[in-house]
Amino acid sequence: MASAVEAARLHAGVSFIELSEQTGIAPAALADLLEERADFTMEDVAGIAAVLEVPVTRLLPCAP
């Protein structure tokens, strides 16, 4: 999921700091999520999707 979030962030032209500020996710916590040291909550995903103006499903991994 981290790679999908990062790709969507870059495509939207939103900086790491902007994403942190607009989602309310602390920079250190966001870094942990994007570097796969922590798991996303549904609240995280929903907030990120809203900021990046993408559907939540675009950020979720595809089922095998």
PDB file of N, CA and C in Angstrom:
ATOM      1  N   MET A   1       0.814  -1.183   0.000  1.00  0.00           N
ATOM      2  CA  MET A   1       0.000   0.000   0.000  1.00  0.00           C
ATOM      3  C   MET A   1       0.866   1.259   0.000  1.00  0.00           C
ATOM      4  N   ALA A   2       2.018   1.182   0.638  1.00  0.00           N
ATOM      5  CA  ALA A   2       2.898   2.346   0.716  1.00  0.00           C
ATOM      6  C   ALA A   2       3.296   2.838  -0.671  1.00  0.00           C
ATOM      7  N   SER A   3       3.575   1.916  -1.576  1.00  0.00           N
ATOM      8  CA  SER A   3       3.985   2.337  -2.922  1.00  0.00           C
ATOM      9  C   SER A   3       2.836   3.010  -3.662  1.00  0.00           C
ATOM     10  N   ALA A   4       1.614   2.546  -3.455  1.00  0.00           N
ATOM     11  CA  ALA A   4       0.449   3.168  -4.089  1.00  0.00           C
ATOM     12  C   ALA A   4       0.223   4.572  -3.535  1.00  0.00           C
ATOM     13  N   VAL A   5       0.398   4.730  -2.235  1.00  0.00           N
ATOM     14  CA  VAL A   5       0.243   6.048  -1.614  1.00  0.00           C
ATOM     15  C   VAL A   5       1.311   6.995  -2.141  1.00  0.00           C
ATOM     16  N   GLU A   6       2.539   6.532  -2.199  1.00  0.00           N
ATOM     17  CA  GLU A   6       3.632   7.389  -2.678  1.00  0.00           C
ATOM     18  C   GLU A   6       3.422   7.772  -4.138  1.00  0.00           C
ATOM     19  N   ALA A   7       3.004   6.832  -4.971  1.00  0.00           N
ATOM     20  CA  ALA A   7       2.748   7.132  -6.382  1.00  0.00           C
ATOM     21  C   ALA A   7       1.623   8.158  -6.520  1.00  0.00           C
ATOM     22  N   ALA A   8       0.565   7.987  -5.760  1.00  0.00           N
ATOM     23  CA  ALA A   8      -0.559   8.926  -5.815  1.00  0.00           C
ATOM     24  C   ALA A   8      -0.144  10.303  -5.303  1.00  0.00           C
ATOM     25  N   ARG A   9       0.680  10.327  -4.268  1.00  0.00           N
ATOM     26  CA  ARG A   9       1.165  11.604  -3.726  1.00  0.00           C
ATOM     27  C   ARG A   9       1.973  12.364  -4.767  1.00  0.00           C
ATOM     28  N   LEU A  10       2.882  11.661  -5.413  1.00  0.00           N
ATOM     29  CA  LEU A  10       3.715  12.299  -6.432  1.00  0.00           C
ATOM     30  C   LEU A  10       2.871  12.763  -7.612  1.00  0.00           C
ATOM     31  N   HIS A  11       1.927  11.939  -8.035  1.00  0.00           N
ATOM     32  CA  HIS A  11       1.055  12.287  -9.162  1.00  0.00           C
ATOM     33  C   HIS A  11       0.220  13.531  -8.835  1.00  0.00           C
ATOM     34  N   ALA A  12      -0.210  13.645  -7.596  1.00  0.00           N
ATOM     35  CA  ALA A  12      -1.024  14.789  -7.178  1.00  0.00           C
ATOM     36  C   ALA A  12      -0.187  16.044  -6.941  1.00  0.00           C
ATOM     37  N   GLY A  13       1.135  15.882  -6.903  1.00  0.00           N
ATOM     38  CA  GLY A  13       2.005  17.029  -6.668  1.00  0.00           C
ATOM     39  C   GLY A  13       1.946  17.544  -5.238  1.00  0.00           C
ATOM     40  N   VAL A  14       1.670  16.638  -4.310  1.00  0.00           N
ATOM     41  CA  VAL A  14       1.570  16.991  -2.893  1.00  0.00           C
ATOM     42  C   VAL A  14       2.875  16.588  -2.216  1.00  0.00           C
ATOM     43  N   SER A  15       3.477  17.514  -1.491  1.00  0.00           N
ATOM     44  CA  SER A  15       4.730  17.199  -0.808  1.00  0.00           C
ATOM     45  C   SER A  15       4.466  16.319   0.408  1.00  0.00           C
ATOM     46  N   PHE A  16       5.507  15.695   0.881  1.00  0.00           N
ATOM     47  CA  PHE A  16       5.419  14.865   2.080  1.00  0.00           C
ATOM     48  C   PHE A  16       4.882  15.689   3.252  1.00  0.00           C
ATOM     49  N   ILE A  17       5.425  16.889   3.429  1.00  0.00           N
ATOM     50  CA  ILE A  17       5.006  17.756   4.538  1.00  0.00           C
ATOM     51  C   ILE A  17       3.549  18.180   4.375  1.00  0.00           C
ATOM     52  N   GLU A  18       3.144  18.523   3.154  1.00  0.00           N
ATOM     53  CA  GLU A  18       1.741  18.884   2.922  1.00  0.00           C
ATOM     54  C   GLU A  18       0.815  17.725   3.265  1.00  0.00           C
ATOM     55  N   LEU A  19       1.198  16.518   2.868  1.00  0.00           N
ATOM     56  CA  LEU A  19       0.373  15.349   3.169  1.00  0.00           C
ATOM     57  C   LEU A  19       0.279  15.147   4.673  1.00  0.00           C
ATOM     58  N   SER A  20       1.381  15.294   5.352  1.00  0.00           N
ATOM     59  CA  SER A  20       1.389  15.166   6.804  1.00  0.00           C
ATOM     60  C   SER A  20       0.470  16.199   7.453  1.00  0.00           C
ATOM     61  N   GLU A  21       0.630  17.445   7.061  1.00  0.00           N
ATOM     62  CA  GLU A  21      -0.164  18.519   7.657  1.00  0.00           C
ATOM     63  C   GLU A  21      -1.652  18.368   7.360  1.00  0.00           C
ATOM     64  N   GLN A  22      -1.989  18.030   6.118  1.00  0.00           N
ATOM     65  CA  GLN A  22      -3.394  17.977   5.722  1.00  0.00           C
ATOM     66  C   GLN A  22      -4.114  16.738   6.241  1.00  0.00           C
ATOM     67  N   THR A  23      -3.379  15.679   6.534  1.00  0.00           N
ATOM     68  CA  THR A  23      -4.008  14.474   7.074  1.00  0.00           C
ATOM     69  C   THR A  23      -3.973  14.441   8.592  1.00  0.00           C
ATOM     70  N   GLY A  24      -3.099  15.243   9.188  1.00  0.00           N
ATOM     71  CA  GLY A  24      -2.940  15.203  10.635  1.00  0.00           C
ATOM     72  C   GLY A  24      -2.076  14.048  11.106  1.00  0.00           C
ATOM     73  N   ILE A  25      -1.397  13.389  10.170  1.00  0.00           N
ATOM     74  CA  ILE A  25      -0.474  12.304  10.518  1.00  0.00           C
ATOM     75  C   ILE A  25       0.899  12.935  10.735  1.00  0.00           C
ATOM     76  N   ALA A  26       1.460  12.733  11.905  1.00  0.00           N
ATOM     77  CA  ALA A  26       2.766  13.317  12.219  1.00  0.00           C
ATOM     78  C   ALA A  26       3.807  12.871  11.193  1.00  0.00           C
ATOM     79  N   PRO A  27       4.759  13.738  10.857  1.00  0.00           N
ATOM     80  CA  PRO A  27       5.769  13.376   9.862  1.00  0.00           C
ATOM     81  C   PRO A  27       6.481  12.058  10.157  1.00  0.00           C
ATOM     82  N   ALA A  28       6.858  11.829  11.402  1.00  0.00           N
ATOM     83  CA  ALA A  28       7.555  10.577  11.738  1.00  0.00           C
ATOM     84  C   ALA A  28       6.643   9.374  11.523  1.00  0.00           C
ATOM     85  N   ALA A  29       5.378   9.517  11.884  1.00  0.00           N
ATOM     86  CA  ALA A  29       4.421   8.420  11.693  1.00  0.00           C
ATOM     87  C   ALA A  29       4.170   8.178  10.208  1.00  0.00           C
ATOM     88  N   LEU A  30       4.066   9.251   9.425  1.00  0.00           N
ATOM     89  CA  LEU A  30       3.864   9.106   7.985  1.00  0.00           C
ATOM     90  C   LEU A  30       5.075   8.437   7.346  1.00  0.00           C
ATOM     91  N   ALA A  31       6.263   8.813   7.773  1.00  0.00           N
ATOM     92  CA  ALA A  31       7.478   8.169   7.259  1.00  0.00           C
ATOM     93  C   ALA A  31       7.462   6.681   7.575  1.00  0.00           C
ATOM     94  N   ASP A  32       7.056   6.329   8.789  1.00  0.00           N
ATOM     95  CA  ASP A  32       6.970   4.907   9.152  1.00  0.00           C
ATOM     96  C   ASP A  32       5.983   4.172   8.253  1.00  0.00           C
ATOM     97  N   LEU A  33       4.857   4.801   7.949  1.00  0.00           N
ATOM     98  CA  LEU A  33       3.865   4.170   7.066  1.00  0.00           C
ATOM     99  C   LEU A  33       4.435   3.972   5.663  1.00  0.00           C
ATOM    100  N   LEU A  34       5.051   5.017   5.129  1.00  0.00           N
ATOM    101  CA  LEU A  34       5.552   4.955   3.754  1.00  0.00           C
ATOM    102  C   LEU A  34       6.778   4.062   3.612  1.00  0.00           C
ATOM    103  N   GLU A  35       7.496   3.846   4.703  1.00  0.00           N
ATOM    104  CA  GLU A  35       8.655   2.954   4.674  1.00  0.00           C
ATOM    105  C   GLU A  35       8.301   1.562   5.194  1.00  0.00           C
ATOM    106  N   GLU A  36       6.994   1.317   5.344  1.00  0.00           N
ATOM    107  CA  GLU A  36       6.444   0.012   5.730  1.00  0.00           C
ATOM    108  C   GLU A  36       6.952  -0.482   7.082  1.00  0.00           C
ATOM    109  N   ARG A  37       7.190   0.452   8.000  1.00  0.00           N
ATOM    110  CA  ARG A  37       7.555   0.094   9.372  1.00  0.00           C
ATOM    111  C   ARG A  37       6.329   0.115  10.276  1.00  0.00           C
ATOM    112  N   ALA A  38       5.199   0.558   9.729  1.00  0.00           N
ATOM    113  CA  ALA A  38       3.932   0.611  10.469  1.00  0.00           C
ATOM    114  C   ALA A  38       2.810   0.307   9.484  1.00  0.00           C
ATOM    115  N   ASP A  39       1.677  -0.092  10.022  1.00  0.00           N
ATOM    116  CA  ASP A  39       0.517  -0.422   9.192  1.00  0.00           C
ATOM    117  C   ASP A  39      -0.444   0.759   9.128  1.00  0.00           C
ATOM    118  N   PHE A  40      -1.026   0.966   7.956  1.00  0.00           N
ATOM    119  CA  PHE A  40      -2.039   1.995   7.772  1.00  0.00           C
ATOM    120  C   PHE A  40      -3.327   1.579   8.474  1.00  0.00           C
ATOM    121  N   THR A  41      -4.005   2.540   9.075  1.00  0.00           N
ATOM    122  CA  THR A  41      -5.361   2.300   9.557  1.00  0.00           C
ATOM    123  C   THR A  41      -6.317   2.744   8.447  1.00  0.00           C
ATOM    124  N   MET A  42      -7.563   2.339   8.559  1.00  0.00           N
ATOM    125  CA  MET A  42      -8.541   2.787   7.565  1.00  0.00           C
ATOM    126  C   MET A  42      -8.703   4.303   7.637  1.00  0.00           C
ATOM    127  N   GLU A  43      -8.566   4.865   8.824  1.00  0.00           N
ATOM    128  CA  GLU A  43      -8.635   6.320   8.972  1.00  0.00           C
ATOM    129  C   GLU A  43      -7.483   6.991   8.223  1.00  0.00           C
ATOM    130  N   ASP A  44      -6.283   6.418   8.323  1.00  0.00           N
ATOM    131  CA  ASP A  44      -5.129   6.943   7.581  1.00  0.00           C
ATOM    132  C   ASP A  44      -5.415   6.932   6.086  1.00  0.00           C
ATOM    133  N   VAL A  45      -5.878   5.787   5.595  1.00  0.00           N
ATOM    134  CA  VAL A  45      -6.113   5.622   4.156  1.00  0.00           C
ATOM    135  C   VAL A  45      -7.192   6.586   3.675  1.00  0.00           C
ATOM    136  N   ALA A  46      -8.267   6.707   4.434  1.00  0.00           N
ATOM    137  CA  ALA A  46      -9.349   7.610   4.046  1.00  0.00           C
ATOM    138  C   ALA A  46      -8.874   9.058   4.013  1.00  0.00           C
ATOM    139  N   GLY A  47      -8.094   9.460   5.003  1.00  0.00           N
ATOM    140  CA  GLY A  47      -7.579  10.823   5.039  1.00  0.00           C
ATOM    141  C   GLY A  47      -6.616  11.111   3.901  1.00  0.00           C
ATOM    142  N   ILE A  48      -5.751  10.166   3.625  1.00  0.00           N
ATOM    143  CA  ILE A  48      -4.791  10.324   2.529  1.00  0.00           C
ATOM    144  C   ILE A  48      -5.520  10.401   1.197  1.00  0.00           C
ATOM    145  N   ALA A  49      -6.485   9.518   0.989  1.00  0.00           N
ATOM    146  CA  ALA A  49      -7.256   9.525  -0.258  1.00  0.00           C
ATOM    147  C   ALA A  49      -7.972  10.861  -0.447  1.00  0.00           C
ATOM    148  N   ALA A  50      -8.525  11.397   0.626  1.00  0.00           N
ATOM    149  CA  ALA A  50      -9.225  12.680   0.532  1.00  0.00           C
ATOM    150  C   ALA A  50      -8.271  13.802   0.138  1.00  0.00           C
ATOM    151  N   VAL A  51      -7.112  13.847   0.763  1.00  0.00           N
ATOM    152  CA  VAL A  51      -6.134  14.894   0.451  1.00  0.00           C
ATOM    153  C   VAL A  51      -5.645  14.769  -0.990  1.00  0.00           C
ATOM    154  N   LEU A  52      -5.409  13.539  -1.431  1.00  0.00           N
ATOM    155  CA  LEU A  52      -4.880  13.318  -2.780  1.00  0.00           C
ATOM    156  C   LEU A  52      -5.970  13.295  -3.843  1.00  0.00           C
ATOM    157  N   GLU A  53      -7.228  13.381  -3.398  1.00  0.00           N
ATOM    158  CA  GLU A  53      -8.383  13.393  -4.300  1.00  0.00           C
ATOM    159  C   GLU A  53      -8.411  12.164  -5.198  1.00  0.00           C
ATOM    160  N   VAL A  54      -8.234  11.005  -4.563  1.00  0.00           N
ATOM    161  CA  VAL A  54      -8.326   9.724  -5.270  1.00  0.00           C
ATOM    162  C   VAL A  54      -9.274   8.823  -4.485  1.00  0.00           C
ATOM    163  N   PRO A  55      -9.878   7.842  -5.160  1.00  0.00           N
ATOM    164  CA  PRO A  55     -10.710   6.894  -4.417  1.00  0.00           C
ATOM    165  C   PRO A  55      -9.844   6.042  -3.491  1.00  0.00           C
ATOM    166  N   VAL A  56     -10.396   5.682  -2.356  1.00  0.00           N
ATOM    167  CA  VAL A  56      -9.675   4.833  -1.406  1.00  0.00           C
ATOM    168  C   VAL A  56      -9.199   3.561  -2.092  1.00  0.00           C
ATOM    169  N   THR A  57     -10.002   3.022  -2.984  1.00  0.00           N
ATOM    170  CA  THR A  57      -9.652   1.763  -3.650  1.00  0.00           C
ATOM    171  C   THR A  57      -8.365   1.871  -4.454  1.00  0.00           C
ATOM    172  N   ARG A  58      -7.995   3.063  -4.889  1.00  0.00           N
ATOM    173  CA  ARG A  58      -6.746   3.225  -5.637  1.00  0.00           C
ATOM    174  C   ARG A  58      -5.532   2.981  -4.745  1.00  0.00           C
ATOM    175  N   LEU A  59      -5.702   3.160  -3.447  1.00  0.00           N
ATOM    176  CA  LEU A  59      -4.586   3.007  -2.517  1.00  0.00           C
ATOM    177  C   LEU A  59      -4.495   1.608  -1.920  1.00  0.00           C
ATOM    178  N   LEU A  60      -5.579   0.846  -2.023  1.00  0.00           N
ATOM    179  CA  LEU A  60      -5.611  -0.488  -1.424  1.00  0.00           C
ATOM    180  C   LEU A  60      -4.936  -1.503  -2.332  1.00  0.00           C
ATOM    181  N   PRO A  61      -4.269  -2.490  -1.741  1.00  0.00           N
ATOM    182  CA  PRO A  61      -3.653  -3.538  -2.568  1.00  0.00           C
ATOM    183  C   PRO A  61      -4.739  -4.390  -3.219  1.00  0.00           C
ATOM    184  N   CYS A  62      -4.433  -4.905  -4.381  1.00  0.00           N
ATOM    185  CA  CYS A  62      -5.362  -5.794  -5.080  1.00  0.00           C
ATOM    186  C   CYS A  62      -5.358  -7.152  -4.398  1.00  0.00           C
ATOM    187  N   ALA A  63      -6.511  -7.767  -4.355  1.00  0.00           N
ATOM    188  CA  ALA A  63      -6.598  -9.118  -3.788  1.00  0.00           C
ATOM    189  C   ALA A  63      -5.915 -10.100  -4.725  1.00  0.00           C
ATOM    190  N   PRO A  64      -5.226 -11.104  -4.167  1.00  0.00           N
ATOM    191  CA  PRO A  64      -4.538 -12.081  -5.038  1.00  0.00           C
ATOM    192  C   PRO A  64      -5.513 -12.970  -5.768  1.00  0.00           C
TER     193      PRO A  64
END
